[in-house]
């Protein structure tokens, strides 16, 4: 199955404590159905000091489930993603609400 949400897409968070936030997808984990979204679901990670690392408490994003985000349409509203075969025979992602082709 082709990915409906890809790295670099602008998404809006639909559920959780970050609901309503708009951000960019940093990484997609297709096997786990999860995405890493910039500035969303930030957790504190404790790292032990080593010869190369200073250690301490690091803050980084944790993955969230792909069902909790929706692609942000060109008009700034959340939309679902569909697929369409274009004239050249290539599969393209489209916005379900407007029918426009999604970049990327």
N, C-alpha and C. Protein backbone atom coordinates (compact mmCIF):
# COMPACT_ATOMS: atom_id res chain seq x y z
N UNK A 1 0.84 -1.19 0.00
CA UNK A 1 0.00 0.00 0.00
C UNK A 1 0.88 1.25 0.00
N UNK A 2 0.53 2.21 -0.79
CA UNK A 2 1.29 3.45 -0.87
C UNK A 2 1.03 4.30 0.36
N UNK A 3 2.03 5.10 0.72
CA UNK A 3 1.93 5.93 1.92
C UNK A 3 1.03 7.14 1.66
N UNK A 4 0.09 7.36 2.56
CA UNK A 4 -0.80 8.50 2.43
C UNK A 4 -0.18 9.75 3.04
N UNK A 5 0.63 9.56 4.07
CA UNK A 5 1.35 10.67 4.70
C UNK A 5 2.83 10.41 4.48
N UNK A 6 3.56 11.44 4.01
CA UNK A 6 4.98 11.28 3.72
C UNK A 6 5.80 12.32 4.47
N UNK A 7 7.10 12.09 4.51
CA UNK A 7 8.04 13.03 5.14
C UNK A 7 7.93 14.38 4.45
N UNK A 8 7.87 15.44 5.24
CA UNK A 8 7.78 16.79 4.69
C UNK A 8 6.37 17.32 4.57
N UNK A 9 5.36 16.45 4.71
CA UNK A 9 3.96 16.89 4.64
C UNK A 9 3.61 17.76 5.84
N UNK A 10 2.75 18.75 5.62
CA UNK A 10 2.20 19.52 6.72
C UNK A 10 0.94 18.80 7.19
N UNK A 11 0.87 18.54 8.50
CA UNK A 11 -0.27 17.81 9.05
C UNK A 11 -0.86 18.57 10.23
N UNK A 12 -2.08 18.21 10.60
CA UNK A 12 -2.72 18.73 11.80
C UNK A 12 -3.00 17.53 12.70
N UNK A 13 -2.74 17.71 14.01
CA UNK A 13 -2.94 16.63 14.98
C UNK A 13 -4.41 16.60 15.36
N UNK A 14 -5.02 15.40 15.28
CA UNK A 14 -6.45 15.25 15.52
C UNK A 14 -6.80 14.82 16.94
N UNK A 15 -5.85 14.19 17.65
CA UNK A 15 -6.16 13.65 18.98
C UNK A 15 -4.96 13.81 19.90
N UNK A 16 -5.24 13.78 21.18
CA UNK A 16 -4.18 13.88 22.19
C UNK A 16 -4.02 15.29 22.71
N UNK A 17 -3.01 15.47 23.55
CA UNK A 17 -2.83 16.78 24.18
C UNK A 17 -2.34 17.85 23.21
N UNK A 18 -1.88 17.44 22.03
CA UNK A 18 -1.42 18.41 21.02
C UNK A 18 -2.46 18.62 19.92
N UNK A 19 -3.71 18.28 20.22
CA UNK A 19 -4.79 18.38 19.24
C UNK A 19 -4.90 19.80 18.68
N UNK A 20 -5.02 19.89 17.37
CA UNK A 20 -5.16 21.18 16.71
C UNK A 20 -3.85 21.78 16.24
N UNK A 21 -2.73 21.26 16.69
CA UNK A 21 -1.44 21.81 16.28
C UNK A 21 -1.12 21.41 14.85
N UNK A 22 -0.49 22.34 14.13
CA UNK A 22 -0.07 22.07 12.76
C UNK A 22 1.44 22.03 12.73
N UNK A 23 2.00 21.00 12.09
CA UNK A 23 3.45 20.85 12.04
C UNK A 23 3.85 19.99 10.86
N UNK A 24 5.15 19.82 10.70
CA UNK A 24 5.71 19.06 9.58
C UNK A 24 6.09 17.65 10.03
N UNK A 25 5.91 16.69 9.14
CA UNK A 25 6.30 15.30 9.42
C UNK A 25 7.80 15.18 9.20
N UNK A 26 8.52 14.70 10.24
CA UNK A 26 9.96 14.53 10.15
C UNK A 26 10.35 13.16 9.63
N UNK A 27 9.58 12.12 10.03
CA UNK A 27 9.90 10.76 9.66
C UNK A 27 8.64 9.92 9.71
N UNK A 28 8.57 8.91 8.85
CA UNK A 28 7.43 8.00 8.82
C UNK A 28 7.92 6.58 9.11
N UNK A 29 7.19 5.87 9.98
CA UNK A 29 7.50 4.48 10.31
C UNK A 29 6.35 3.62 9.78
N UNK A 30 6.41 3.18 8.50
CA UNK A 30 5.28 2.48 7.89
C UNK A 30 4.95 1.14 8.54
N UNK A 31 5.94 0.41 9.04
CA UNK A 31 5.67 -0.89 9.67
C UNK A 31 4.86 -0.74 10.94
N UNK A 32 5.08 0.36 11.66
CA UNK A 32 4.39 0.59 12.93
C UNK A 32 3.18 1.51 12.79
N UNK A 33 2.92 2.03 11.58
CA UNK A 33 1.85 3.00 11.34
C UNK A 33 2.00 4.22 12.24
N UNK A 34 3.21 4.73 12.34
CA UNK A 34 3.49 5.90 13.18
C UNK A 34 4.25 6.95 12.41
N UNK A 35 4.13 8.21 12.87
CA UNK A 35 4.85 9.33 12.27
C UNK A 35 5.51 10.15 13.37
N UNK A 36 6.63 10.78 13.01
CA UNK A 36 7.33 11.68 13.92
C UNK A 36 7.01 13.10 13.45
N UNK A 37 6.34 13.88 14.30
CA UNK A 37 5.89 15.21 13.93
C UNK A 37 6.68 16.24 14.73
N UNK A 38 7.18 17.28 14.05
CA UNK A 38 8.03 18.30 14.67
C UNK A 38 7.29 19.04 15.79
N UNK A 39 7.86 18.99 17.00
CA UNK A 39 7.30 19.72 18.13
C UNK A 39 6.09 19.09 18.80
N UNK A 40 5.71 17.88 18.38
CA UNK A 40 4.53 17.22 18.92
C UNK A 40 4.98 15.96 19.67
N UNK A 41 4.34 15.70 20.82
CA UNK A 41 4.65 14.54 21.66
C UNK A 41 6.12 14.55 22.09
N UNK A 42 6.58 15.68 22.61
CA UNK A 42 7.96 15.81 23.08
C UNK A 42 8.08 15.13 24.43
N UNK A 43 9.06 14.23 24.54
CA UNK A 43 9.29 13.49 25.77
C UNK A 43 10.70 13.77 26.29
N UNK A 44 10.89 13.58 27.60
CA UNK A 44 12.20 13.75 28.21
C UNK A 44 12.91 12.40 28.22
N UNK A 45 14.10 12.37 27.70
CA UNK A 45 14.89 11.14 27.64
C UNK A 45 16.14 11.35 28.47
N UNK A 46 16.38 10.48 29.44
CA UNK A 46 17.54 10.58 30.30
C UNK A 46 18.70 9.83 29.67
N UNK A 47 19.83 10.52 29.52
CA UNK A 47 21.00 9.91 28.91
C UNK A 47 22.18 9.96 29.86
N UNK A 48 22.82 8.81 30.02
CA UNK A 48 23.97 8.70 30.89
C UNK A 48 25.18 9.35 30.23
N UNK A 49 26.02 9.98 31.05
CA UNK A 49 27.21 10.63 30.52
C UNK A 49 28.22 9.58 30.06
N UNK A 50 28.80 9.83 28.88
CA UNK A 50 29.84 8.95 28.34
C UNK A 50 31.01 9.82 27.90
N UNK A 51 32.01 9.19 27.33
CA UNK A 51 33.18 9.93 26.86
C UNK A 51 32.81 10.87 25.71
N UNK A 52 31.83 10.49 24.91
CA UNK A 52 31.45 11.32 23.76
C UNK A 52 30.21 12.18 24.03
N UNK A 53 29.39 11.80 25.01
CA UNK A 53 28.15 12.52 25.28
C UNK A 53 28.18 13.14 26.67
N UNK A 54 27.63 14.33 26.77
CA UNK A 54 27.60 15.02 28.05
C UNK A 54 26.55 14.45 29.00
N UNK A 55 25.54 13.81 28.42
CA UNK A 55 24.49 13.23 29.23
C UNK A 55 23.47 14.27 29.68
N UNK A 56 22.56 13.85 30.56
CA UNK A 56 21.55 14.76 31.07
C UNK A 56 20.18 14.41 30.53
N UNK A 57 19.26 15.35 30.67
CA UNK A 57 17.89 15.14 30.21
C UNK A 57 17.74 15.78 28.83
N UNK A 58 17.44 14.95 27.84
CA UNK A 58 17.27 15.42 26.48
C UNK A 58 15.79 15.44 26.14
N UNK A 59 15.36 16.43 25.37
CA UNK A 59 13.97 16.50 24.94
C UNK A 59 13.93 16.18 23.45
N UNK A 60 13.08 15.21 23.09
CA UNK A 60 12.94 14.84 21.68
C UNK A 60 11.53 14.37 21.40
N UNK A 61 11.16 14.41 20.12
CA UNK A 61 9.82 13.98 19.72
C UNK A 61 9.72 12.46 19.75
N UNK A 62 8.55 11.98 20.14
CA UNK A 62 8.26 10.54 20.09
C UNK A 62 7.21 10.34 19.00
N UNK A 63 7.22 9.17 18.35
CA UNK A 63 6.25 8.93 17.27
C UNK A 63 4.81 8.88 17.80
N UNK A 64 3.87 9.31 16.95
CA UNK A 64 2.45 9.19 17.27
C UNK A 64 1.79 8.38 16.16
N UNK A 65 0.63 7.81 16.45
CA UNK A 65 -0.03 6.96 15.47
C UNK A 65 -0.52 7.79 14.29
N UNK A 66 -0.40 7.21 13.10
CA UNK A 66 -0.73 7.92 11.87
C UNK A 66 -2.22 8.29 11.79
N UNK A 67 -3.06 7.56 12.53
CA UNK A 67 -4.49 7.87 12.52
C UNK A 67 -4.81 9.13 13.31
N UNK A 68 -3.87 9.62 14.08
CA UNK A 68 -4.08 10.83 14.88
C UNK A 68 -3.63 12.10 14.17
N UNK A 69 -3.25 11.99 12.89
CA UNK A 69 -2.89 13.17 12.10
C UNK A 69 -3.65 13.14 10.79
N UNK A 70 -3.89 14.33 10.24
CA UNK A 70 -4.53 14.46 8.93
C UNK A 70 -3.72 15.45 8.11
N UNK A 71 -3.63 15.18 6.82
CA UNK A 71 -2.91 16.06 5.91
C UNK A 71 -3.57 17.44 5.89
N UNK A 72 -2.77 18.47 5.88
CA UNK A 72 -3.28 19.84 5.81
C UNK A 72 -3.44 20.21 4.34
N UNK A 73 -4.66 20.52 3.93
CA UNK A 73 -4.93 20.86 2.53
C UNK A 73 -4.35 22.21 2.16
N UNK A 74 -4.42 22.52 0.89
CA UNK A 74 -3.90 23.80 0.39
C UNK A 74 -4.67 24.99 0.94
N UNK A 75 -5.93 24.75 1.37
CA UNK A 75 -6.73 25.82 1.95
C UNK A 75 -6.58 25.90 3.47
N UNK A 76 -5.68 25.09 4.06
CA UNK A 76 -5.42 25.14 5.49
C UNK A 76 -6.35 24.32 6.34
N UNK A 77 -7.18 23.47 5.72
CA UNK A 77 -8.09 22.62 6.47
C UNK A 77 -7.64 21.16 6.35
N UNK A 78 -7.92 20.34 7.38
CA UNK A 78 -7.52 18.94 7.30
C UNK A 78 -8.32 18.19 6.24
N UNK A 79 -7.66 17.25 5.57
CA UNK A 79 -8.31 16.47 4.53
C UNK A 79 -7.78 15.05 4.54
N UNK A 80 -8.59 14.14 4.02
CA UNK A 80 -8.12 12.77 3.83
C UNK A 80 -7.37 12.70 2.50
N UNK A 81 -6.64 11.61 2.32
CA UNK A 81 -5.83 11.44 1.12
C UNK A 81 -6.33 10.26 0.32
N UNK A 82 -6.42 10.45 -0.99
CA UNK A 82 -6.80 9.36 -1.89
C UNK A 82 -5.76 9.25 -2.99
N UNK A 83 -5.97 8.33 -3.90
CA UNK A 83 -5.04 8.13 -5.00
C UNK A 83 -5.79 8.16 -6.32
N UNK A 84 -5.09 8.63 -7.35
CA UNK A 84 -5.69 8.71 -8.68
C UNK A 84 -4.58 8.46 -9.70
N UNK A 85 -4.90 7.75 -10.76
CA UNK A 85 -3.94 7.54 -11.83
C UNK A 85 -4.07 8.71 -12.80
N UNK A 86 -2.95 9.42 -13.04
CA UNK A 86 -3.02 10.57 -13.94
C UNK A 86 -2.90 10.14 -15.40
N UNK A 87 -2.87 11.12 -16.31
CA UNK A 87 -2.84 10.85 -17.74
C UNK A 87 -1.61 10.06 -18.18
N UNK A 88 -0.51 10.25 -17.48
CA UNK A 88 0.75 9.58 -17.84
C UNK A 88 0.84 8.18 -17.25
N UNK A 89 -0.19 7.77 -16.50
CA UNK A 89 -0.19 6.44 -15.90
C UNK A 89 0.50 6.38 -14.54
N UNK A 90 0.83 7.55 -13.97
CA UNK A 90 1.47 7.58 -12.66
C UNK A 90 0.41 7.76 -11.57
N UNK A 91 0.67 7.12 -10.44
CA UNK A 91 -0.24 7.26 -9.30
C UNK A 91 0.07 8.56 -8.57
N UNK A 92 -0.94 9.34 -8.27
CA UNK A 92 -0.76 10.62 -7.59
C UNK A 92 -1.66 10.67 -6.37
N UNK A 93 -1.16 11.32 -5.32
CA UNK A 93 -1.99 11.54 -4.12
C UNK A 93 -2.89 12.74 -4.36
N UNK A 94 -4.16 12.62 -3.95
CA UNK A 94 -5.10 13.74 -4.10
C UNK A 94 -5.77 14.02 -2.77
N UNK A 95 -6.21 15.27 -2.59
CA UNK A 95 -7.00 15.64 -1.43
C UNK A 95 -8.42 15.17 -1.67
N UNK A 96 -9.00 14.47 -0.69
CA UNK A 96 -10.36 13.96 -0.86
C UNK A 96 -11.40 15.08 -0.85
N UNK A 97 -11.15 16.14 -0.09
CA UNK A 97 -12.13 17.22 0.02
C UNK A 97 -12.23 18.04 -1.25
N UNK A 98 -11.09 18.36 -1.84
CA UNK A 98 -11.09 19.25 -3.00
C UNK A 98 -10.79 18.55 -4.31
N UNK A 99 -10.13 17.39 -4.27
CA UNK A 99 -9.75 16.67 -5.47
C UNK A 99 -8.45 17.13 -6.08
N UNK A 100 -7.77 18.10 -5.43
CA UNK A 100 -6.51 18.62 -5.96
C UNK A 100 -5.37 17.64 -5.69
N UNK A 101 -4.35 17.69 -6.53
CA UNK A 101 -3.18 16.81 -6.37
C UNK A 101 -2.30 17.37 -5.26
N UNK A 102 -1.80 16.46 -4.40
CA UNK A 102 -0.92 16.82 -3.30
C UNK A 102 0.51 16.84 -3.81
N UNK A 103 1.29 17.84 -3.42
CA UNK A 103 2.71 17.90 -3.81
C UNK A 103 3.48 16.77 -3.17
N UNK A 104 4.47 16.27 -3.88
CA UNK A 104 5.37 15.25 -3.31
C UNK A 104 5.16 13.88 -3.78
